[in-house]
């Protein structure tokens, strides 16, 4: 029931791709859960990672004045609403795993392969045009964990890197 990482999901932006691969791990952990308790834990971790990832993308959009930020953020918000519904369905024993797998597959196919690809291309074009100051996005990526490193805030990892354990 896993969703496999495919090259079509690559944005060409290494920090975003690292996060997306970690997101796939969280999603697959959820999809492979077999009982209510493990599904609840996995869904909570998936939802939290999704929220953090979206926050980081939205900060990147803000820093680069991304022209499609409003629509991209709307799509993030829609996904987070679905994540809340997922938690309710688990709690109410009304969860249909096949429907959720289809939703998550569509999310990756349509959001990552479309919206995130466009965002990454825009960020790359901004870097090439040298419109981003040395203290701007480049250093922000390094210090915020977007480069795959771990940043700790109050002893808590704010954005897990590629080696973050799933459990």
Protein backbone atom coordinates (compact mmCIF):
# COMPACT_ATOMS: atom_id res chain seq x y z
CA UNK A 1 0.00 0.00 0.00
CA UNK A 2 3.11 2.23 -0.11
CA UNK A 3 3.53 5.25 -2.32
CA UNK A 4 6.91 5.12 -3.99
CA UNK A 5 9.11 8.14 -4.64
CA UNK A 6 9.41 8.79 -8.37
CA UNK A 7 11.65 11.12 -10.32
CA UNK A 8 8.60 13.12 -11.43
CA UNK A 9 8.38 14.35 -7.83
CA UNK A 10 11.85 15.90 -7.98
CA UNK A 11 11.70 19.67 -8.05
CA UNK A 12 15.41 20.16 -8.64
CA UNK A 13 15.62 22.08 -5.37
CA UNK A 14 17.60 19.81 -3.07
CA UNK A 15 16.20 21.11 0.24
CA UNK A 16 12.60 20.78 -0.98
CA UNK A 17 13.31 17.32 -2.41
CA UNK A 18 14.87 16.17 0.87
CA UNK A 19 11.75 17.31 2.73
CA UNK A 20 9.44 15.66 0.22
CA UNK A 21 11.26 12.33 0.57
CA UNK A 22 10.90 12.56 4.34
CA UNK A 23 7.23 13.40 3.85
CA UNK A 24 6.86 10.23 1.75
CA UNK A 25 8.34 8.28 4.67
CA UNK A 26 5.74 9.74 7.04
CA UNK A 27 2.93 9.00 4.58
CA UNK A 28 4.09 5.42 4.07
CA UNK A 29 4.37 4.90 7.81
CA UNK A 30 0.69 5.90 8.00
CA UNK A 31 -0.35 3.76 5.02
CA UNK A 32 1.36 0.70 6.50
CA UNK A 33 -0.15 1.10 9.97
CA UNK A 34 -2.44 -1.82 10.76
CA UNK A 35 -4.43 -0.83 13.83
CA UNK A 36 -6.18 2.23 15.21
CA UNK A 37 -3.44 3.15 17.66
CA UNK A 38 -0.60 2.93 15.13
CA UNK A 39 -2.68 4.77 12.52
CA UNK A 40 -3.42 7.54 14.99
CA UNK A 41 0.24 7.98 15.88
CA UNK A 42 1.34 7.80 12.24
CA UNK A 43 -1.38 10.24 11.12
CA UNK A 44 -0.38 12.71 13.83
CA UNK A 45 3.26 12.55 12.75
CA UNK A 46 2.30 12.87 9.08
CA UNK A 47 0.03 15.85 9.81
CA UNK A 48 2.67 17.61 11.91
CA UNK A 49 5.37 17.08 9.29
CA UNK A 50 2.99 18.31 6.59
CA UNK A 51 2.23 21.43 8.62
CA UNK A 52 5.92 22.17 9.23
CA UNK A 53 6.82 21.56 5.61
CA UNK A 54 4.06 23.89 4.45
CA UNK A 55 5.19 26.58 6.90
CA UNK A 56 8.70 26.41 5.50
CA UNK A 57 7.49 26.58 1.91
CA UNK A 58 5.28 29.53 2.77
CA UNK A 59 8.22 31.33 4.37
CA UNK A 60 10.25 30.70 1.24
CA UNK A 61 7.40 32.11 -0.87
CA UNK A 62 7.29 35.19 1.35
CA UNK A 63 11.05 35.73 1.16
CA UNK A 64 11.09 35.45 -2.62
CA UNK A 65 7.83 37.34 -3.24
CA UNK A 66 6.52 34.31 -5.08
CA UNK A 67 3.69 35.54 -7.36
CA UNK A 68 1.56 32.39 -6.94
CA UNK A 69 1.91 32.31 -3.15
CA UNK A 70 -1.79 32.90 -2.46
CA UNK A 71 -2.95 29.94 -4.57
CA UNK A 72 -0.14 27.72 -3.32
CA UNK A 73 -1.00 28.56 0.30
CA UNK A 74 -4.69 27.90 -0.39
CA UNK A 75 -3.75 24.41 -1.58
CA UNK A 76 -1.74 23.92 1.61
CA UNK A 77 -4.73 24.97 3.71
CA UNK A 78 -7.02 22.58 1.82
CA UNK A 79 -4.60 19.73 2.52
CA UNK A 80 -4.47 20.59 6.22
CA UNK A 81 -8.28 20.54 6.37
CA UNK A 82 -8.16 17.05 4.88
CA UNK A 83 -5.58 16.04 7.48
CA UNK A 84 -7.98 17.14 10.24
CA UNK A 85 -10.72 15.06 8.62
CA UNK A 86 -8.36 12.11 8.58
CA UNK A 87 -7.88 12.37 12.34
CA UNK A 88 -11.66 12.53 12.84
CA UNK A 89 -12.20 9.46 10.68
CA UNK A 90 -9.62 7.48 12.60
CA UNK A 91 -11.24 8.48 15.90
CA UNK A 92 -14.74 7.61 14.60
CA UNK A 93 -13.68 4.31 12.99
CA UNK A 94 -14.88 5.54 9.59
CA UNK A 95 -11.48 5.51 7.91
CA UNK A 96 -11.29 4.18 4.34
CA UNK A 97 -7.59 3.54 3.74
CA UNK A 98 -7.99 3.11 -0.02
CA UNK A 99 -9.60 6.54 -0.32
CA UNK A 100 -6.84 8.09 1.77
CA UNK A 101 -4.14 6.38 -0.26
CA UNK A 102 -5.78 7.77 -3.42
CA UNK A 103 -5.95 11.24 -1.84
CA UNK A 104 -2.29 11.16 -0.82
CA UNK A 105 -1.22 9.85 -4.22
CA UNK A 106 -3.18 12.67 -5.86
CA UNK A 107 -1.64 15.16 -3.44
CA UNK A 108 1.86 14.12 -4.45
CA UNK A 109 1.00 13.91 -8.12
CA UNK A 110 -0.78 17.24 -8.31
CA UNK A 111 0.81 19.34 -5.59
CA UNK A 112 4.44 18.29 -5.69
CA UNK A 113 4.63 17.59 -9.41
CA UNK A 114 2.85 20.86 -10.20
CA UNK A 115 2.78 23.59 -7.53
CA UNK A 116 6.06 22.73 -5.81
CA UNK A 117 7.83 22.27 -9.14
CA UNK A 118 6.76 25.79 -10.09
CA UNK A 119 7.88 27.18 -6.74
CA UNK A 120 11.29 25.51 -7.03
CA UNK A 121 11.72 26.85 -10.57
CA UNK A 122 10.87 30.34 -9.37
CA UNK A 123 13.33 30.14 -6.48
CA UNK A 124 16.02 28.90 -8.88
CA UNK A 125 15.31 31.77 -11.26
CA UNK A 126 15.57 34.21 -8.38
CA UNK A 127 18.91 32.76 -7.36
CA UNK A 128 20.19 32.96 -10.92
CA UNK A 129 19.08 36.55 -11.22
CA UNK A 130 20.87 37.25 -7.92
CA UNK A 131 17.79 39.00 -6.60
CA UNK A 132 18.19 37.27 -3.25
CA UNK A 133 20.67 38.86 -0.89
CA UNK A 134 23.43 36.76 0.70
CA UNK A 135 21.60 37.00 4.01
CA UNK A 136 18.28 36.10 2.43
CA UNK A 137 17.02 32.74 1.22
CA UNK A 138 20.41 31.09 0.86
CA UNK A 139 21.35 31.53 4.52
CA UNK A 140 17.73 30.99 5.60
CA UNK A 141 17.78 27.54 3.95
CA UNK A 142 20.96 26.63 5.83
CA UNK A 143 19.86 27.90 9.25
CA UNK A 144 16.25 26.69 9.14
CA UNK A 145 16.95 23.06 8.37
CA UNK A 146 15.84 23.29 4.74
CA UNK A 147 19.18 21.95 3.62
CA UNK A 148 18.38 18.68 5.36
CA UNK A 149 20.13 19.56 8.60
CA UNK A 150 18.48 19.55 12.00
CA UNK A 151 17.75 22.82 13.73
CA UNK A 152 16.77 22.69 17.35
CA UNK A 153 14.43 25.22 18.92
CA UNK A 154 13.96 24.76 22.65
CA UNK A 155 15.32 21.23 22.35
CA UNK A 156 12.84 20.30 19.63
CA UNK A 157 13.69 19.56 16.01
CA UNK A 158 11.67 22.03 13.99
CA UNK A 159 12.17 20.38 10.61
CA UNK A 160 13.43 16.83 10.48
CA UNK A 161 16.16 16.04 8.03
CA UNK A 162 16.50 13.02 5.79
CA UNK A 163 17.79 10.80 8.57
CA UNK A 164 15.01 11.57 11.03
CA UNK A 165 13.64 8.34 12.48
CA UNK A 166 10.02 7.72 11.65
CA UNK A 167 8.95 6.17 14.93
